[in-house]
Protein backbone atom coordinates (compact mmCIF):
# COMPACT_ATOMS: atom_id res chain seq x y z
CA MET A 1 0.10 -0.26 -0.16
CA VAL A 2 0.88 3.45 -0.67
CA THR A 3 0.59 6.34 1.25
CA THR A 4 1.40 10.06 0.43
CA HIS A 5 1.93 12.78 2.80
CA VAL A 6 2.80 16.46 1.68
CA PHE A 7 5.39 19.02 3.45
CA ILE A 8 4.54 22.32 2.18
CA ALA A 9 4.52 25.90 3.21
CA VAL A 10 2.12 28.31 2.79
CA SER A 11 2.06 32.70 3.63
CA LEU A 12 -1.12 33.35 6.56
CA ASP A 13 -3.55 34.35 3.88
CA GLY A 14 -2.85 30.70 1.99
CA TYR A 15 -0.09 31.18 -1.17
CA ILE A 16 2.56 29.12 -1.96
CA ALA A 17 3.94 31.34 -4.65
CA ARG A 18 3.37 34.52 -5.80
CA GLN A 19 1.53 34.51 -9.02
CA ASP A 20 5.18 34.34 -10.98
CA GLY A 21 6.19 31.02 -8.97
CA ASP A 22 8.69 33.42 -6.95
CA ILE A 23 9.41 32.52 -3.25
CA GLY A 24 11.15 35.18 -1.79
CA TRP A 25 9.00 35.76 0.91
CA LEU A 26 9.46 32.03 2.06
CA LEU A 27 13.34 31.37 1.77
CA GLN A 28 13.75 35.77 3.57
CA ARG A 29 12.09 33.68 6.81
CA ASP A 30 14.77 30.76 6.53
CA ASP A 31 16.74 29.76 9.51
CA PRO A 32 19.16 27.64 9.76
CA THR A 33 19.11 27.30 13.44
CA GLU A 34 15.96 26.35 13.10
CA ASP A 35 14.53 22.48 12.85
CA HIS A 36 11.51 22.33 11.14
CA GLY A 37 11.02 18.81 10.19
CA TYR A 38 11.65 18.56 6.80
CA GLU A 39 14.61 16.43 7.35
CA ALA A 40 13.35 14.02 9.18
CA PHE A 41 10.11 14.02 6.63
CA ILE A 42 11.92 13.42 4.25
CA ALA A 43 14.48 10.48 5.71
CA ASP A 44 11.33 8.21 5.51
CA LYS A 45 9.65 9.02 1.92
CA ASP A 46 10.55 6.45 -0.85
CA GLY A 47 9.21 8.33 -3.59
CA ILE A 48 8.21 11.83 -4.73
CA ILE A 49 5.59 13.17 -7.17
CA MET A 50 6.12 16.98 -8.38
CA GLY A 51 3.62 19.06 -10.40
CA ARG A 52 5.78 20.69 -14.04
CA GLY A 53 5.35 24.34 -11.23
CA THR A 54 7.54 22.60 -9.06
CA TYR A 55 10.17 20.74 -10.70
CA GLU A 56 10.91 24.06 -12.77
CA LYS A 57 11.24 25.84 -9.28
CA VAL A 58 13.82 23.38 -8.11
CA LEU A 59 15.46 23.07 -11.06
CA THR A 60 17.34 27.33 -10.20
CA PHE A 61 18.04 25.77 -6.86
CA GLY A 62 21.47 24.29 -8.64
CA GLU A 63 22.30 21.08 -7.64
CA TRP A 64 19.67 18.35 -7.11
CA PRO A 65 18.38 18.03 -4.02
CA TYR A 66 16.34 14.68 -3.75
CA GLU A 67 18.15 10.88 -2.84
CA GLN A 68 14.50 9.67 -3.77
CA PRO A 69 13.48 8.42 -7.35
CA VAL A 70 11.25 11.67 -8.83
CA VAL A 71 7.71 11.03 -11.29
CA VAL A 72 6.68 15.43 -12.66
CA LEU A 73 3.06 14.55 -13.28
CA SER A 74 3.27 17.79 -16.43
CA ARG A 75 0.91 17.18 -19.91
CA GLN A 76 3.80 18.89 -21.11
CA LEU A 77 7.03 17.72 -19.67
CA ALA A 78 5.90 13.71 -20.65
CA ASP A 79 7.02 13.16 -24.17
CA THR A 80 10.43 15.17 -23.96
CA PRO A 81 13.47 13.76 -22.56
CA VAL A 82 14.61 13.39 -19.20
CA PRO A 83 17.96 16.21 -18.69
CA GLU A 84 21.10 14.07 -19.03
CA ALA A 85 21.79 14.95 -16.06
CA LEU A 86 19.14 13.84 -14.14
CA LYS A 87 18.62 9.92 -16.00
CA GLY A 88 17.44 7.52 -13.27
CA LYS A 89 16.32 10.10 -10.96
CA VAL A 90 13.42 11.90 -12.95
CA GLN A 91 10.64 10.70 -14.86
CA PHE A 92 8.01 12.23 -16.68
CA SER A 93 4.50 11.18 -16.73
CA ARG A 94 1.52 12.53 -17.85
CA ARG A 95 -0.41 9.13 -15.98
CA ALA A 96 -3.89 10.35 -13.64
CA PRO A 97 -2.61 10.38 -9.60
CA LYS A 98 -4.58 7.02 -8.76
CA GLU A 99 -2.59 5.41 -12.12
CA VAL A 100 0.89 6.67 -10.92
CA ILE A 101 0.70 5.46 -7.39
CA ASN A 102 -0.29 1.83 -8.60
CA ASP A 103 2.75 2.43 -10.47
CA LEU A 104 5.35 2.51 -7.28
CA ALA A 105 3.12 0.13 -5.95
CA ALA A 106 4.87 -2.23 -8.23
CA GLN A 107 7.88 -0.76 -8.32
CA ASN A 108 8.02 -1.40 -3.75
CA ILE A 109 7.90 1.80 -3.32
CA HIS A 110 5.57 2.76 -0.61
CA ARG A 111 5.45 6.65 1.05
CA VAL A 112 5.40 9.08 -1.03
CA TYR A 113 6.46 13.00 -0.56
CA ILE A 114 3.29 15.07 -2.58
CA ASP A 115 4.79 18.99 -3.68
CA GLY A 116 3.25 21.56 -5.87
CA GLY A 117 0.11 22.67 -5.29
CA GLN A 118 -2.43 21.95 -8.30
CA LEU A 119 -1.12 18.44 -7.09
CA ILE A 120 -1.22 18.71 -4.27
CA GLN A 121 -5.37 19.43 -4.91
CA SER A 122 -5.19 17.16 -7.29
CA PHE A 123 -4.22 14.65 -4.43
CA LEU A 124 -6.40 15.44 -2.12
CA ARG A 125 -9.46 15.66 -4.33
CA ASP A 126 -8.95 12.26 -5.32
CA GLY A 127 -8.57 11.48 -1.73
CA LEU A 128 -5.36 10.41 -2.12
CA ALA A 129 -3.84 11.82 0.38
CA SER A 130 -2.71 11.00 3.64
CA ASP A 131 -1.11 13.60 5.52
CA ILE A 132 -0.59 16.99 5.82
CA ILE A 133 2.40 19.51 7.23
CA ILE A 134 1.45 22.93 6.44
CA THR A 135 3.59 25.44 7.68
CA THR A 136 2.12 28.37 7.92
CA VAL A 137 4.75 31.50 7.29
CA PRO A 138 3.05 35.20 8.93
CA VAL A 139 3.30 37.45 6.19
CA LEU A 140 0.24 38.25 3.68
CA LEU A 141 0.52 38.40 0.36
CA GLY A 142 -2.74 39.34 -0.87
CA SER A 143 -2.38 37.37 -3.95
CA GLY A 144 -0.92 34.83 -5.89
CA LYS A 145 -0.50 30.42 -5.92
CA PRO A 146 -3.54 29.04 -3.59
CA LEU A 147 -2.57 25.69 -1.32
CA PHE A 148 -6.19 24.97 -1.60
CA GLY A 149 -9.04 25.29 -4.96
CA TYR A 150 -12.42 24.15 -5.26
CA LEU A 151 -12.74 20.92 -3.62
CA PRO A 152 -16.02 18.78 -5.05
CA HIS A 153 -16.75 17.87 -1.02
CA ASP A 154 -15.47 18.43 2.40
CA ILE A 155 -12.27 16.95 3.07
CA ASP A 156 -11.81 16.52 7.27
CA LEU A 157 -9.13 16.57 8.95
CA THR A 158 -7.54 15.79 12.32
CA LEU A 159 -4.87 17.97 13.65
CA LEU A 160 -2.33 15.64 15.11
CA SER A 161 0.31 18.26 15.92
CA SER A 162 0.73 21.95 15.89
CA ARG A 163 4.29 23.56 16.75
CA SER A 164 5.26 27.30 17.33
CA PHE A 165 9.10 28.34 16.19
CA PRO A 166 11.01 31.38 17.29
CA SER A 167 11.23 32.82 13.70
CA GLY A 168 7.16 32.96 14.39
CA LEU A 169 6.44 29.91 11.94
CA VAL A 170 3.77 27.72 13.47
CA GLN A 171 3.20 24.06 11.86
CA SER A 172 0.52 21.59 11.76
CA HIS A 173 0.41 18.55 11.19
CA TYR A 174 -3.24 16.52 9.89
CA GLN A 175 -4.02 13.37 8.87
CA VAL A 176 -6.44 13.22 7.02
CA MET A 177 -9.76 11.51 7.14
CA SER A 178 -10.96 9.05 4.39
């Protein structure tokens, strides 16, 4: 069985990036002395599924940061070759989330990190997200790319934990109820 897990930061008004994809507001709050739990979170994941926008943003960071295999869900990229430096690390797919989950299960991948706003929305709509860790940054952007979008029905969550950091960030961990 594959479980999918979200770890993401949002502005206080619910945006994951400015409309142009800029996340400088988030990086300004990055304090290397604070452990927000990402290292522990990623350490027990054996796969990553991300959207095209997230993939393109990660490429701007320089060195590829992931050891786990990454599937990028994108209709635009699905028919393009993976860059040489990422062969064996990344694959592009146009398959639906449930199909990709089944593919990963066949590869013996069980705990998957889901990253990217639209992708997270798809997984929530399809009932495929197991839990969500949201770190709220105390800044109001006023507009941008929202973490959550249209839902055909309510999605109930159970708060598992919540903590605050000296920098003002607040992190909440929710289990998604099916």
